[in-house]
Structures are given as structure tokens and as C-alpha cells.
């Protein structure tokens, strides 16, 4: 017997669960993008982050990370992939959403305005979605 498609909105697939799956796909794409596109130019990116951060303590931290930029970007891709795994499965989606929220809040001060202008609403979206997911699951049980 073929298992049901994870995209099917059949029994047990609530709108928040489907949205969390979408966020998981986004994090998976970010992980691949960072591993393939960002890793080769990680030093330049880390220098740009250092120069454009808007929170002074982050400038010091980022300056120390420039020499090890490749492992930092590699670890970023691994972290994004881990969040994606949580979100793409059904059992730990809420935890994945809270980790995604913490991730974008944590990196927002470290990056320039094109990024954090998107990260702030993203964090709000993920936190709201985590709450909706919990509420939907509580109603079901």
C-alpha cells in the first residue's frame, strides 16, 4: 500500500501543518543555497556581515569569525538542514518552528538591512504558526 502524499490535505493534515511543511522546504532550500552558493564566497560574506551589522557586539564576534568563515557557513547549512528535517516530518514541527524563530531572531542583528528587514516578519510568522499548530493539535486531541 502506498503511503499518502505529505502534500495531501487529507485527514490529520491541518493548514498549520501544511504551512510548517512549506517553511521546511524553505529551510531546505536555504541549506542547499548556503552549501552550494555561499560556501565558496564565505569569507567575503562574513566580511560584509561584519561591516553591515547594526548591533555593536556582533561586529566584534563577526570579525573573529572571518578567518573561519567556511566552517561557519557550513555549520549554518547544517543547522538549516536540521530545522528543515524537523519541519518536514510531522512529529516535531512545532519544535522546528520555534527553532526557526530563534534562528532568525539570533542572526538578524548580525546581518545587513536587506536580511533583517525580512527576518523580523519571518520570526513573527514562524512564532504565530507554531502557536496555531499547537492549537490545531490540541483541538484534535
C-alpha atoms as a PDB file:
ATOM      1  CA  UNK A   1       0.000   0.000   0.000  1.00  0.00           C
ATOM      2  CA  UNK A   2       1.353   3.418  -0.955  1.00  0.00           C
ATOM      3  CA  UNK A   3       1.603   5.913   1.909  1.00  0.00           C
ATOM      4  CA  UNK A   4      -0.404   9.117   1.495  1.00  0.00           C
ATOM      5  CA  UNK A   5       1.364  12.075  -0.054  1.00  0.00           C
ATOM      6  CA  UNK A   6       2.696  14.572   2.508  1.00  0.00           C
ATOM      7  CA  UNK A   7       1.115  17.283   0.349  1.00  0.00           C
ATOM      8  CA  UNK A   8      -2.382  15.844   0.545  1.00  0.00           C
ATOM      9  CA  UNK A   9      -4.686  17.750   2.838  1.00  0.00           C
ATOM     10  CA  UNK A  10      -6.421  14.638   3.982  1.00  0.00           C
ATOM     11  CA  UNK A  11      -7.308  13.574   7.485  1.00  0.00           C
ATOM     12  CA  UNK A  12      -4.837  14.899  10.010  1.00  0.00           C
ATOM     13  CA  UNK A  13      -3.197  17.471   7.721  1.00  0.00           C
ATOM     14  CA  UNK A  14      -4.188  20.855   9.072  1.00  0.00           C
ATOM     15  CA  UNK A  15      -3.409  24.163   7.412  1.00  0.00           C
ATOM     16  CA  UNK A  16      -0.722  24.948  10.031  1.00  0.00           C
ATOM     17  CA  UNK A  17       0.916  21.555   9.370  1.00  0.00           C
ATOM     18  CA  UNK A  18       0.977  22.236   5.644  1.00  0.00           C
ATOM     19  CA  UNK A  19       2.380  25.715   6.272  1.00  0.00           C
ATOM     20  CA  UNK A  20       5.087  24.232   8.520  1.00  0.00           C
ATOM     21  CA  UNK A  21       5.970  21.838   5.695  1.00  0.00           C
ATOM     22  CA  UNK A  22       6.323  24.866   3.412  1.00  0.00           C
ATOM     23  CA  UNK A  23       8.659  26.506   5.923  1.00  0.00           C
ATOM     24  CA  UNK A  24      10.610  23.238   5.998  1.00  0.00           C
ATOM     25  CA  UNK A  25      11.027  23.361   2.226  1.00  0.00           C
ATOM     26  CA  UNK A  26      12.233  26.962   2.544  1.00  0.00           C
ATOM     27  CA  UNK A  27      14.835  25.955   5.158  1.00  0.00           C
ATOM     28  CA  UNK A  28      15.933  23.020   2.997  1.00  0.00           C
ATOM     29  CA  UNK A  29      16.404  25.388   0.051  1.00  0.00           C
ATOM     30  CA  UNK A  30      18.379  27.786   2.266  1.00  0.00           C
ATOM     31  CA  UNK A  31      20.614  24.935   3.419  1.00  0.00           C
ATOM     32  CA  UNK A  32      21.338  23.903  -0.162  1.00  0.00           C
ATOM     33  CA  UNK A  33      21.836  27.533  -1.214  1.00  0.00           C
ATOM     34  CA  UNK A  34      24.318  28.157   1.572  1.00  0.00           C
ATOM     35  CA  UNK A  35      26.181  24.906   0.932  1.00  0.00           C
ATOM     36  CA  UNK A  36      26.410  25.410  -2.823  1.00  0.00           C
ATOM     37  CA  UNK A  37      26.269  29.159  -3.396  1.00  0.00           C
ATOM     38  CA  UNK A  38      27.520  30.830  -0.241  1.00  0.00           C
ATOM     39  CA  UNK A  39      30.248  28.465   0.947  1.00  0.00           C
ATOM     40  CA  UNK A  40      32.649  29.288  -1.933  1.00  0.00           C
ATOM     41  CA  UNK A  41      32.497  33.004  -1.052  1.00  0.00           C
ATOM     42  CA  UNK A  42      32.055  32.657   2.695  1.00  0.00           C
ATOM     43  CA  UNK A  43      34.916  34.989   3.645  1.00  0.00           C
ATOM     44  CA  UNK A  44      33.531  37.863   1.587  1.00  0.00           C
ATOM     45  CA  UNK A  45      30.071  37.277   3.020  1.00  0.00           C
ATOM     46  CA  UNK A  46      31.345  37.198   6.610  1.00  0.00           C
ATOM     47  CA  UNK A  47      33.269  40.440   5.998  1.00  0.00           C
ATOM     48  CA  UNK A  48      30.095  42.028   4.634  1.00  0.00           C
ATOM     49  CA  UNK A  49      28.143  40.846   7.687  1.00  0.00           C
ATOM     50  CA  UNK A  50      30.865  42.298   9.944  1.00  0.00           C
ATOM     51  CA  UNK A  51      30.741  45.632   8.127  1.00  0.00           C
ATOM     52  CA  UNK A  52      26.945  45.939   7.967  1.00  0.00           C
ATOM     53  CA  UNK A  53      25.805  44.571  11.328  1.00  0.00           C
ATOM     54  CA  UNK A  54      23.769  47.072  13.290  1.00  0.00           C
ATOM     55  CA  UNK A  55      24.438  45.737  16.790  1.00  0.00           C
ATOM     56  CA  UNK A  56      27.961  46.623  18.038  1.00  0.00           C
ATOM     57  CA  UNK A  57      28.740  43.376  19.933  1.00  0.00           C
ATOM     58  CA  UNK A  58      28.048  41.407  16.767  1.00  0.00           C
ATOM     59  CA  UNK A  59      30.753  43.365  14.905  1.00  0.00           C
ATOM     60  CA  UNK A  60      33.409  42.041  17.303  1.00  0.00           C
ATOM     61  CA  UNK A  61      32.090  38.482  17.086  1.00  0.00           C
ATOM     62  CA  UNK A  62      31.838  38.572  13.299  1.00  0.00           C
ATOM     63  CA  UNK A  63      35.365  39.980  12.993  1.00  0.00           C
ATOM     64  CA  UNK A  64      36.617  36.925  14.892  1.00  0.00           C
ATOM     65  CA  UNK A  65      34.608  34.621  12.624  1.00  0.00           C
ATOM     66  CA  UNK A  66      36.035  35.959   9.343  1.00  0.00           C
ATOM     67  CA  UNK A  67      39.108  33.644   9.468  1.00  0.00           C
ATOM     68  CA  UNK A  68      36.835  30.624   9.971  1.00  0.00           C
ATOM     69  CA  UNK A  69      34.070  31.758   7.642  1.00  0.00           C
ATOM     70  CA  UNK A  70      33.857  28.498   5.679  1.00  0.00           C
ATOM     71  CA  UNK A  71      33.160  26.313   8.737  1.00  0.00           C
ATOM     72  CA  UNK A  72      30.656  28.905   9.995  1.00  0.00           C
ATOM     73  CA  UNK A  73      28.759  28.877   6.706  1.00  0.00           C
ATOM     74  CA  UNK A  74      28.981  25.082   6.608  1.00  0.00           C
ATOM     75  CA  UNK A  75      27.557  24.888  10.131  1.00  0.00           C
ATOM     76  CA  UNK A  76      24.826  27.306   9.085  1.00  0.00           C
ATOM     77  CA  UNK A  77      23.835  24.999   6.237  1.00  0.00           C
ATOM     78  CA  UNK A  78      23.791  22.023   8.618  1.00  0.00           C
ATOM     79  CA  UNK A  79      21.645  23.938  11.133  1.00  0.00           C
ATOM     80  CA  UNK A  80      19.205  24.962   8.405  1.00  0.00           C
ATOM     81  CA  UNK A  81      19.030  21.367   7.194  1.00  0.00           C
ATOM     82  CA  UNK A  82      18.320  20.167  10.743  1.00  0.00           C
ATOM     83  CA  UNK A  83      15.461  22.648  11.104  1.00  0.00           C
ATOM     84  CA  UNK A  84      14.164  21.518   7.703  1.00  0.00           C
ATOM     85  CA  UNK A  85      14.160  17.880   8.833  1.00  0.00           C
ATOM     86  CA  UNK A  86      12.096  18.783  11.899  1.00  0.00           C
ATOM     87  CA  UNK A  87       9.636  20.779   9.817  1.00  0.00           C
ATOM     88  CA  UNK A  88       9.276  18.248   7.017  1.00  0.00           C
ATOM     89  CA  UNK A  89       8.363  15.485   9.439  1.00  0.00           C
ATOM     90  CA  UNK A  90       5.070  15.742  11.282  1.00  0.00           C
ATOM     91  CA  UNK A  91       6.099  14.814  14.799  1.00  0.00           C
ATOM     92  CA  UNK A  92       8.446  17.728  15.619  1.00  0.00           C
ATOM     93  CA  UNK A  93       7.061  20.568  13.522  1.00  0.00           C
ATOM     94  CA  UNK A  94       6.333  22.817  16.487  1.00  0.00           C
ATOM     95  CA  UNK A  95       9.897  22.432  17.773  1.00  0.00           C
ATOM     96  CA  UNK A  96      11.157  23.163  14.259  1.00  0.00           C
ATOM     97  CA  UNK A  97       9.090  26.341  14.089  1.00  0.00           C
ATOM     98  CA  UNK A  98      10.409  27.557  17.441  1.00  0.00           C
ATOM     99  CA  UNK A  99      13.978  26.782  16.345  1.00  0.00           C
ATOM    100  CA  UNK A 100      13.340  28.646  13.087  1.00  0.00           C
ATOM    101  CA  UNK A 101      12.024  31.603  15.109  1.00  0.00           C
ATOM    102  CA  UNK A 102      15.091  31.619  17.347  1.00  0.00           C
ATOM    103  CA  UNK A 103      17.365  31.256  14.342  1.00  0.00           C
ATOM    104  CA  UNK A 104      16.094  34.325  12.517  1.00  0.00           C
ATOM    105  CA  UNK A 105      15.978  36.384  15.724  1.00  0.00           C
ATOM    106  CA  UNK A 106      19.542  35.351  16.558  1.00  0.00           C
ATOM    107  CA  UNK A 107      21.040  36.127  13.175  1.00  0.00           C
ATOM    108  CA  UNK A 108      19.086  39.318  12.477  1.00  0.00           C
ATOM    109  CA  UNK A 109      21.473  41.669  14.335  1.00  0.00           C
ATOM    110  CA  UNK A 110      24.432  40.046  12.583  1.00  0.00           C
ATOM    111  CA  UNK A 111      23.304  40.777   9.058  1.00  0.00           C
ATOM    112  CA  UNK A 112      22.708  43.876   6.971  1.00  0.00           C
ATOM    113  CA  UNK A 113      19.355  45.512   6.429  1.00  0.00           C
ATOM    114  CA  UNK A 114      18.280  43.584   3.336  1.00  0.00           C
ATOM    115  CA  UNK A 115      18.260  40.469   5.503  1.00  0.00           C
ATOM    116  CA  UNK A 116      16.887  41.657   8.818  1.00  0.00           C
ATOM    117  CA  UNK A 117      14.063  43.576   7.205  1.00  0.00           C
ATOM    118  CA  UNK A 118      12.806  40.173   6.073  1.00  0.00           C
ATOM    119  CA  UNK A 119      13.873  38.230   9.178  1.00  0.00           C
ATOM    120  CA  UNK A 120      11.762  40.225  11.638  1.00  0.00           C
ATOM    121  CA  UNK A 121       8.420  39.459   9.918  1.00  0.00           C
ATOM    122  CA  UNK A 122       9.663  35.917   9.308  1.00  0.00           C
ATOM    123  CA  UNK A 123      10.198  35.375  13.045  1.00  0.00           C
ATOM    124  CA  UNK A 124       6.718  36.710  13.768  1.00  0.00           C
ATOM    125  CA  UNK A 125       5.257  34.397  11.131  1.00  0.00           C
ATOM    126  CA  UNK A 126       7.051  31.323  12.494  1.00  0.00           C
ATOM    127  CA  UNK A 127       6.054  32.052  16.108  1.00  0.00           C
ATOM    128  CA  UNK A 128       2.439  32.632  15.106  1.00  0.00           C
ATOM    129  CA  UNK A 129       2.431  29.464  13.054  1.00  0.00           C
ATOM    130  CA  UNK A 130       3.870  27.470  15.984  1.00  0.00           C
ATOM    131  CA  UNK A 131       1.014  28.714  18.173  1.00  0.00           C
ATOM    132  CA  UNK A 132      -1.585  27.867  15.540  1.00  0.00           C
ATOM    133  CA  UNK A 133      -0.062  24.427  15.061  1.00  0.00           C
ATOM    134  CA  UNK A 134      -0.246  23.701  18.782  1.00  0.00           C
ATOM    135  CA  UNK A 135      -3.839  24.955  18.975  1.00  0.00           C
ATOM    136  CA  UNK A 136      -4.874  22.823  15.990  1.00  0.00           C
ATOM    137  CA  UNK A 137      -3.285  19.739  17.510  1.00  0.00           C
ATOM    138  CA  UNK A 138      -4.878  20.388  20.908  1.00  0.00           C
ATOM    139  CA  UNK A 139      -8.307  20.697  19.272  1.00  0.00           C
ATOM    140  CA  UNK A 140      -7.739  17.387  17.503  1.00  0.00           C
ATOM    141  CA  UNK A 141      -6.899  15.536  20.731  1.00  0.00           C
END
